[in-house]
Amino acid sequence: MLTNTQLMGFVPTRDPAVARAFYERVLGLKFLDEDGFATTVEANGIKVRLTKIENHKPLPFTILGWEIPDIEKAVSDLALRGVAFEKYEMPSQDARGIWSSPSGAKIAWFKDPDGNVLSLAQLE
């Protein structure tokens, strides 16, 4: 039923203006609109609504991620824009925060201004 419909993501934020600046200027997502309930940005045709939540408490796991072809380049580019990558005590995570999984995938995590965990994944 939903296979042929457009997927949309939701990210909670305490401050929509700060979230918009991060997602638009730092991550490079395209601003679409603001409707009083959320700010909508777009990533490669997928809409993401940055929804205002007064008492938002970030979850301790990834809520939004991107599959990318070159994680080394993406981490370097985002680091130049001020993004700090998370370091976890796990084997096979390098000094830049890129974890090499047993399957061969490479993953790096970072947080948005609200503390939401986001990720980059190079699956091949």
Foldseek 3Di string as FASTA:
>chain_A
DCPPPAAEAEAEDQDQVQQCCCCCVLVNWAWDQDDPAFTWTDDPRYIYTHGHDNPDDADPDAREEEEDADVVVVLVSNVVSVWQWDDDPDPQQDPRQWRQDPQRKIKIWTAGPNRHIYMYIHND
